[in-house]
């Protein structure tokens, strides 16, 4: 079943694509960090896994707002 939503330009939500969010879920025993990453809306995220050093570099590179602190 598909639901179609018709919004006028006045009703379109404004999204700031420069805002990036990270919420760290856990650091696993194998050294990987499980975290949620979102752009624009913190409520709409993807789950990712990275080694700890890559996670730190990822956060710095994207200048994220941490939601887990």
PDB file of N, CA and C in Angstrom:
ATOM      1  N   UNK A   1       0.842  -1.168   0.000  1.00  0.00           N
ATOM      2  CA  UNK A   1       0.000   0.000   0.000  1.00  0.00           C
ATOM      3  C   UNK A   1       0.891   1.236   0.000  1.00  0.00           C
ATOM      4  N   UNK A   2       0.659   2.158  -0.889  1.00  0.00           N
ATOM      5  CA  UNK A   2       1.421   3.396  -0.996  1.00  0.00           C
ATOM      6  C   UNK A   2       0.551   4.569  -0.594  1.00  0.00           C
ATOM      7  N   UNK A   3       1.111   5.424   0.236  1.00  0.00           N
ATOM      8  CA  UNK A   3       0.404   6.632   0.638  1.00  0.00           C
ATOM      9  C   UNK A   3       1.088   7.820  -0.003  1.00  0.00           C
ATOM     10  N   UNK A   4       0.338   8.633  -0.679  1.00  0.00           N
ATOM     11  CA  UNK A   4       0.896   9.812  -1.326  1.00  0.00           C
ATOM     12  C   UNK A   4       0.560  11.031  -0.484  1.00  0.00           C
ATOM     13  N   UNK A   5       1.558  11.852  -0.242  1.00  0.00           N
ATOM     14  CA  UNK A   5       1.364  13.085   0.513  1.00  0.00           C
ATOM     15  C   UNK A   5       1.691  14.246  -0.404  1.00  0.00           C
ATOM     16  N   UNK A   6       0.745  15.128  -0.575  1.00  0.00           N
ATOM     17  CA  UNK A   6       0.949  16.309  -1.408  1.00  0.00           C
ATOM     18  C   UNK A   6       1.127  17.527  -0.508  1.00  0.00           C
ATOM     19  N   UNK A   7       2.287  18.136  -0.592  1.00  0.00           N
ATOM     20  CA  UNK A   7       2.580  19.322   0.196  1.00  0.00           C
ATOM     21  C   UNK A   7       2.855  20.490  -0.732  1.00  0.00           C
ATOM     22  N   UNK A   8       2.340  21.628  -0.377  1.00  0.00           N
ATOM     23  CA  UNK A   8       2.668  22.828  -1.144  1.00  0.00           C
ATOM     24  C   UNK A   8       4.039  23.310  -0.697  1.00  0.00           C
ATOM     25  N   UNK A   9       4.635  24.218  -1.440  1.00  0.00           N
ATOM     26  CA  UNK A   9       5.957  24.727  -1.081  1.00  0.00           C
ATOM     27  C   UNK A   9       5.926  25.439   0.264  1.00  0.00           C
ATOM     28  N   UNK A  10       4.770  25.961   0.668  1.00  0.00           N
ATOM     29  CA  UNK A  10       4.642  26.611   1.974  1.00  0.00           C
ATOM     30  C   UNK A  10       4.685  25.608   3.120  1.00  0.00           C
ATOM     31  N   UNK A  11       4.337  24.356   2.841  1.00  0.00           N
ATOM     32  CA  UNK A  11       4.264  23.331   3.876  1.00  0.00           C
ATOM     33  C   UNK A  11       5.513  22.459   3.947  1.00  0.00           C
ATOM     34  N   UNK A  12       6.421  22.613   3.013  1.00  0.00           N
ATOM     35  CA  UNK A  12       7.615  21.774   2.986  1.00  0.00           C
ATOM     36  C   UNK A  12       8.498  22.080   4.189  1.00  0.00           C
ATOM     37  N   UNK A  13       8.917  21.042   4.906  1.00  0.00           N
ATOM     38  CA  UNK A  13       9.786  21.283   6.055  1.00  0.00           C
ATOM     39  C   UNK A  13      11.156  21.789   5.602  1.00  0.00           C
ATOM     40  N   UNK A  14      11.728  22.672   6.376  1.00  0.00           N
ATOM     41  CA  UNK A  14      13.052  23.203   6.070  1.00  0.00           C
ATOM     42  C   UNK A  14      14.087  22.302   6.728  1.00  0.00           C
ATOM     43  N   UNK A  15      15.051  21.881   5.945  1.00  0.00           N
ATOM     44  CA  UNK A  15      16.091  20.984   6.433  1.00  0.00           C
ATOM     45  C   UNK A  15      17.445  21.641   6.231  1.00  0.00           C
ATOM     46  N   UNK A  16      18.243  21.667   7.273  1.00  0.00           N
ATOM     47  CA  UNK A  16      19.598  22.202   7.188  1.00  0.00           C
ATOM     48  C   UNK A  16      20.552  21.036   6.954  1.00  0.00           C
ATOM     49  N   UNK A  17      20.957  20.841   5.703  1.00  0.00           N
ATOM     50  CA  UNK A  17      21.816  19.714   5.352  1.00  0.00           C
ATOM     51  C   UNK A  17      23.247  19.866   5.841  1.00  0.00           C
ATOM     52  N   UNK A  18      23.573  21.003   6.419  1.00  0.00           N
ATOM     53  CA  UNK A  18      24.909  21.178   6.984  1.00  0.00           C
ATOM     54  C   UNK A  18      24.980  20.623   8.410  1.00  0.00           C
ATOM     55  N   UNK A  19      23.833  20.344   9.021  1.00  0.00           N
ATOM     56  CA  UNK A  19      23.786  19.792  10.383  1.00  0.00           C
ATOM     57  C   UNK A  19      23.882  18.274  10.305  1.00  0.00           C
ATOM     58  N   UNK A  20      24.865  17.715  11.010  1.00  0.00           N
ATOM     59  CA  UNK A  20      25.080  16.267  11.017  1.00  0.00           C
ATOM     60  C   UNK A  20      25.130  15.798  12.462  1.00  0.00           C
ATOM     61  N   UNK A  21      24.534  14.650  12.715  1.00  0.00           N
ATOM     62  CA  UNK A  21      24.367  14.154  14.074  1.00  0.00           C
ATOM     63  C   UNK A  21      24.888  12.728  14.199  1.00  0.00           C
ATOM     64  N   UNK A  22      25.482  12.443  15.359  1.00  0.00           N
ATOM     65  CA  UNK A  22      25.938  11.095  15.675  1.00  0.00           C
ATOM     66  C   UNK A  22      25.461  10.737  17.079  1.00  0.00           C
ATOM     67  N   UNK A  23      24.953   9.532  17.192  1.00  0.00           N
ATOM     68  CA  UNK A  23      24.608   8.981  18.490  1.00  0.00           C
ATOM     69  C   UNK A  23      25.305   7.634  18.617  1.00  0.00           C
ATOM     70  N   UNK A  24      26.287   7.561  19.504  1.00  0.00           N
ATOM     71  CA  UNK A  24      27.047   6.331  19.690  1.00  0.00           C
ATOM     72  C   UNK A  24      26.198   5.327  20.449  1.00  0.00           C
ATOM     73  N   UNK A  25      26.073   4.134  19.899  1.00  0.00           N
ATOM     74  CA  UNK A  25      25.262   3.097  20.520  1.00  0.00           C
ATOM     75  C   UNK A  25      26.111   2.242  21.451  1.00  0.00           C
ATOM     76  N   UNK A  26      27.235   1.726  20.915  1.00  0.00           N
ATOM     77  CA  UNK A  26      28.103   0.895  21.747  1.00  0.00           C
ATOM     78  C   UNK A  26      29.477   0.734  21.106  1.00  0.00           C
ATOM     79  N   UNK A  27      30.450   0.396  21.948  1.00  0.00           N
ATOM     80  CA  UNK A  27      31.756  -0.030  21.451  1.00  0.00           C
ATOM     81  C   UNK A  27      31.807  -1.530  21.664  1.00  0.00           C
ATOM     82  N   UNK A  28      31.895  -2.259  20.569  1.00  0.00           N
ATOM     83  CA  UNK A  28      31.846  -3.719  20.637  1.00  0.00           C
ATOM     84  C   UNK A  28      33.185  -4.304  21.054  1.00  0.00           C
ATOM     85  N   UNK A  29      33.159  -5.555  21.476  1.00  0.00           N
ATOM     86  CA  UNK A  29      34.374  -6.253  21.903  1.00  0.00           C
ATOM     87  C   UNK A  29      35.393  -6.387  20.777  1.00  0.00           C
ATOM     88  N   UNK A  30      34.932  -6.373  19.533  1.00  0.00           N
ATOM     89  CA  UNK A  30      35.859  -6.502  18.402  1.00  0.00           C
ATOM     90  C   UNK A  30      36.468  -5.158  17.993  1.00  0.00           C
ATOM     91  N   UNK A  31      36.201  -4.077  18.785  1.00  0.00           N
ATOM     92  CA  UNK A  31      36.800  -2.773  18.529  1.00  0.00           C
ATOM     93  C   UNK A  31      35.990  -1.870  17.627  1.00  0.00           C
ATOM     94  N   UNK A  32      34.867  -2.359  17.123  1.00  0.00           N
ATOM     95  CA  UNK A  32      34.031  -1.539  16.258  1.00  0.00           C
ATOM     96  C   UNK A  32      33.072  -0.688  17.092  1.00  0.00           C
ATOM     97  N   UNK A  33      32.808   0.503  16.598  1.00  0.00           N
ATOM     98  CA  UNK A  33      31.848   1.398  17.233  1.00  0.00           C
ATOM     99  C   UNK A  33      30.559   1.352  16.423  1.00  0.00           C
ATOM    100  N   UNK A  34      29.479   1.057  17.093  1.00  0.00           N
ATOM    101  CA  UNK A  34      28.157   1.069  16.478  1.00  0.00           C
ATOM    102  C   UNK A  34      27.535   2.431  16.772  1.00  0.00           C
ATOM    103  N   UNK A  35      27.043   3.108  15.715  1.00  0.00           N
ATOM    104  CA  UNK A  35      26.481   4.435  15.923  1.00  0.00           C
ATOM    105  C   UNK A  35      25.427   4.763  14.885  1.00  0.00           C
ATOM    106  N   UNK A  36      24.597   5.749  15.211  1.00  0.00           N
ATOM    107  CA  UNK A  36      23.594   6.265  14.290  1.00  0.00           C
ATOM    108  C   UNK A  36      24.109   7.579  13.718  1.00  0.00           C
ATOM    109  N   UNK A  37      23.926   7.773  12.405  1.00  0.00           N
ATOM    110  CA  UNK A  37      24.369   8.989  11.729  1.00  0.00           C
ATOM    111  C   UNK A  37      23.174   9.595  11.012  1.00  0.00           C
ATOM    112  N   UNK A  38      22.992  10.905  11.180  1.00  0.00           N
ATOM    113  CA  UNK A  38      21.867  11.599  10.553  1.00  0.00           C
ATOM    114  C   UNK A  38      22.339  12.916   9.951  1.00  0.00           C
ATOM    115  N   UNK A  39      21.693  13.310   8.863  1.00  0.00           N
ATOM    116  CA  UNK A  39      21.944  14.603   8.226  1.00  0.00           C
ATOM    117  C   UNK A  39      20.621  15.357   8.174  1.00  0.00           C
ATOM    118  N   UNK A  40      20.629  16.553   8.719  1.00  0.00           N
ATOM    119  CA  UNK A  40      19.428  17.393   8.660  1.00  0.00           C
ATOM    120  C   UNK A  40      18.445  17.148   9.772  1.00  0.00           C
ATOM    121  N   UNK A  41      17.944  15.948   9.886  1.00  0.00           N
ATOM    122  CA  UNK A  41      17.004  15.557  10.936  1.00  0.00           C
ATOM    123  C   UNK A  41      17.636  14.478  11.800  1.00  0.00           C
ATOM    124  N   UNK A  42      17.815  14.698  13.090  1.00  0.00           N
ATOM    125  CA  UNK A  42      18.391  13.650  13.933  1.00  0.00           C
ATOM    126  C   UNK A  42      17.474  12.436  14.082  1.00  0.00           C
ATOM    127  N   UNK A  43      16.182  12.614  13.803  1.00  0.00           N
ATOM    128  CA  UNK A  43      15.234  11.505  13.930  1.00  0.00           C
ATOM    129  C   UNK A  43      15.312  10.506  12.779  1.00  0.00           C
ATOM    130  N   UNK A  44      15.960  10.890  11.691  1.00  0.00           N
ATOM    131  CA  UNK A  44      16.072  10.029  10.518  1.00  0.00           C
ATOM    132  C   UNK A  44      17.540   9.664  10.343  1.00  0.00           C
ATOM    133  N   UNK A  45      17.909   8.455  10.767  1.00  0.00           N
ATOM    134  CA  UNK A  45      19.322   8.094  10.801  1.00  0.00           C
ATOM    135  C   UNK A  45      19.569   6.719  10.195  1.00  0.00           C
ATOM    136  N   UNK A  46      20.843   6.437   9.970  1.00  0.00           N
ATOM    137  CA  UNK A  46      21.288   5.115   9.537  1.00  0.00           C
ATOM    138  C   UNK A  46      22.248   4.576  10.582  1.00  0.00           C
ATOM    139  N   UNK A  47      22.265   3.271  10.748  1.00  0.00           N
ATOM    140  CA  UNK A  47      23.199   2.627  11.667  1.00  0.00           C
ATOM    141  C   UNK A  47      24.470   2.287  10.912  1.00  0.00           C
ATOM    142  N   UNK A  48      25.602   2.607  11.526  1.00  0.00           N
ATOM    143  CA  UNK A  48      26.904   2.346  10.913  1.00  0.00           C
ATOM    144  C   UNK A  48      27.837   1.697  11.916  1.00  0.00           C
ATOM    145  N   UNK A  49      28.880   1.042  11.408  1.00  0.00           N
ATOM    146  CA  UNK A  49      29.943   0.446  12.213  1.00  0.00           C
ATOM    147  C   UNK A  49      31.278   0.900  11.659  1.00  0.00           C
ATOM    148  N   UNK A  50      32.160   1.366  12.547  1.00  0.00           N
ATOM    149  CA  UNK A  50      33.522   1.739  12.154  1.00  0.00           C
ATOM    150  C   UNK A  50      34.481   1.369  13.276  1.00  0.00           C
ATOM    151  N   UNK A  51      35.744   1.091  12.947  1.00  0.00           N
ATOM    152  CA  UNK A  51      36.748   0.948  14.003  1.00  0.00           C
ATOM    153  C   UNK A  51      36.867   2.279  14.751  1.00  0.00           C
ATOM    154  N   UNK A  52      37.257   2.227  16.027  1.00  0.00           N
ATOM    155  CA  UNK A  52      37.319   3.420  16.881  1.00  0.00           C
ATOM    156  C   UNK A  52      38.086   4.586  16.246  1.00  0.00           C
ATOM    157  N   UNK A  53      39.300   4.378  15.695  1.00  0.00           N
ATOM    158  CA  UNK A  53      40.011   5.514  15.085  1.00  0.00           C
ATOM    159  C   UNK A  53      39.261   6.110  13.884  1.00  0.00           C
ATOM    160  N   UNK A  54      38.634   5.261  13.087  1.00  0.00           N
ATOM    161  CA  UNK A  54      37.873   5.745  11.929  1.00  0.00           C
ATOM    162  C   UNK A  54      36.613   6.488  12.381  1.00  0.00           C
ATOM    163  N   UNK A  55      36.001   6.041  13.474  1.00  0.00           N
ATOM    164  CA  UNK A  55      34.829   6.722  14.022  1.00  0.00           C
ATOM    165  C   UNK A  55      35.198   8.130  14.471  1.00  0.00           C
ATOM    166  N   UNK A  56      36.313   8.252  15.174  1.00  0.00           N
ATOM    167  CA  UNK A  56      36.776   9.565  15.636  1.00  0.00           C
ATOM    168  C   UNK A  56      37.054  10.482  14.450  1.00  0.00           C
ATOM    169  N   UNK A  57      37.733   9.963  13.427  1.00  0.00           N
ATOM    170  CA  UNK A  57      38.034  10.753  12.232  1.00  0.00           C
ATOM    171  C   UNK A  57      36.748  11.138  11.495  1.00  0.00           C
ATOM    172  N   UNK A  58      35.789  10.223  11.421  1.00  0.00           N
ATOM    173  CA  UNK A  58      34.503  10.471  10.771  1.00  0.00           C
ATOM    174  C   UNK A  58      33.787  11.640  11.454  1.00  0.00           C
ATOM    175  N   UNK A  59      33.752  11.617  12.780  1.00  0.00           N
ATOM    176  CA  UNK A  59      33.079  12.678  13.540  1.00  0.00           C
ATOM    177  C   UNK A  59      33.760  14.028  13.318  1.00  0.00           C
ATOM    178  N   UNK A  60      35.083  14.029  13.303  1.00  0.00           N
ATOM    179  CA  UNK A  60      35.820  15.282  13.086  1.00  0.00           C
ATOM    180  C   UNK A  60      35.612  15.788  11.664  1.00  0.00           C
ATOM    181  N   UNK A  61      35.684  14.898  10.707  1.00  0.00           N
ATOM    182  CA  UNK A  61      35.555  15.290   9.299  1.00  0.00           C
ATOM    183  C   UNK A  61      34.184  15.909   9.003  1.00  0.00           C
ATOM    184  N   UNK A  62      33.149  15.341   9.598  1.00  0.00           N
ATOM    185  CA  UNK A  62      31.784  15.803   9.335  1.00  0.00           C
ATOM    186  C   UNK A  62      31.294  16.817  10.345  1.00  0.00           C
ATOM    187  N   UNK A  63      32.141  17.169  11.318  1.00  0.00           N
ATOM    188  CA  UNK A  63      31.791  18.165  12.339  1.00  0.00           C
ATOM    189  C   UNK A  63      30.401  17.898  12.910  1.00  0.00           C
ATOM    190  N   UNK A  64      30.242  16.703  13.446  1.00  0.00           N
ATOM    191  CA  UNK A  64      28.942  16.245  13.915  1.00  0.00           C
ATOM    192  C   UNK A  64      28.575  16.865  15.262  1.00  0.00           C
ATOM    193  N   UNK A  65      27.282  16.875  15.514  1.00  0.00           N
ATOM    194  CA  UNK A  65      26.751  17.171  16.839  1.00  0.00           C
ATOM    195  C   UNK A  65      26.506  15.831  17.507  1.00  0.00           C
ATOM    196  N   UNK A  66      27.135  15.625  18.654  1.00  0.00           N
ATOM    197  CA  UNK A  66      26.976  14.352  19.362  1.00  0.00           C
ATOM    198  C   UNK A  66      25.685  14.382  20.163  1.00  0.00           C
ATOM    199  N   UNK A  67      24.852  13.385  19.986  1.00  0.00           N
ATOM    200  CA  UNK A  67      23.579  13.294  20.691  1.00  0.00           C
ATOM    201  C   UNK A  67      23.651  12.349  21.881  1.00  0.00           C
ATOM    202  N   UNK A  68      24.775  11.660  22.034  1.00  0.00           N
ATOM    203  CA  UNK A  68      24.922  10.678  23.102  1.00  0.00           C
ATOM    204  C   UNK A  68      25.607  11.237  24.344  1.00  0.00           C
ATOM    205  N   UNK A  69      26.046  12.472  24.303  1.00  0.00           N
ATOM    206  CA  UNK A  69      26.783  13.057  25.440  1.00  0.00           C
ATOM    207  C   UNK A  69      25.836  13.522  26.522  1.00  0.00           C
TER     208      UNK A  69
END
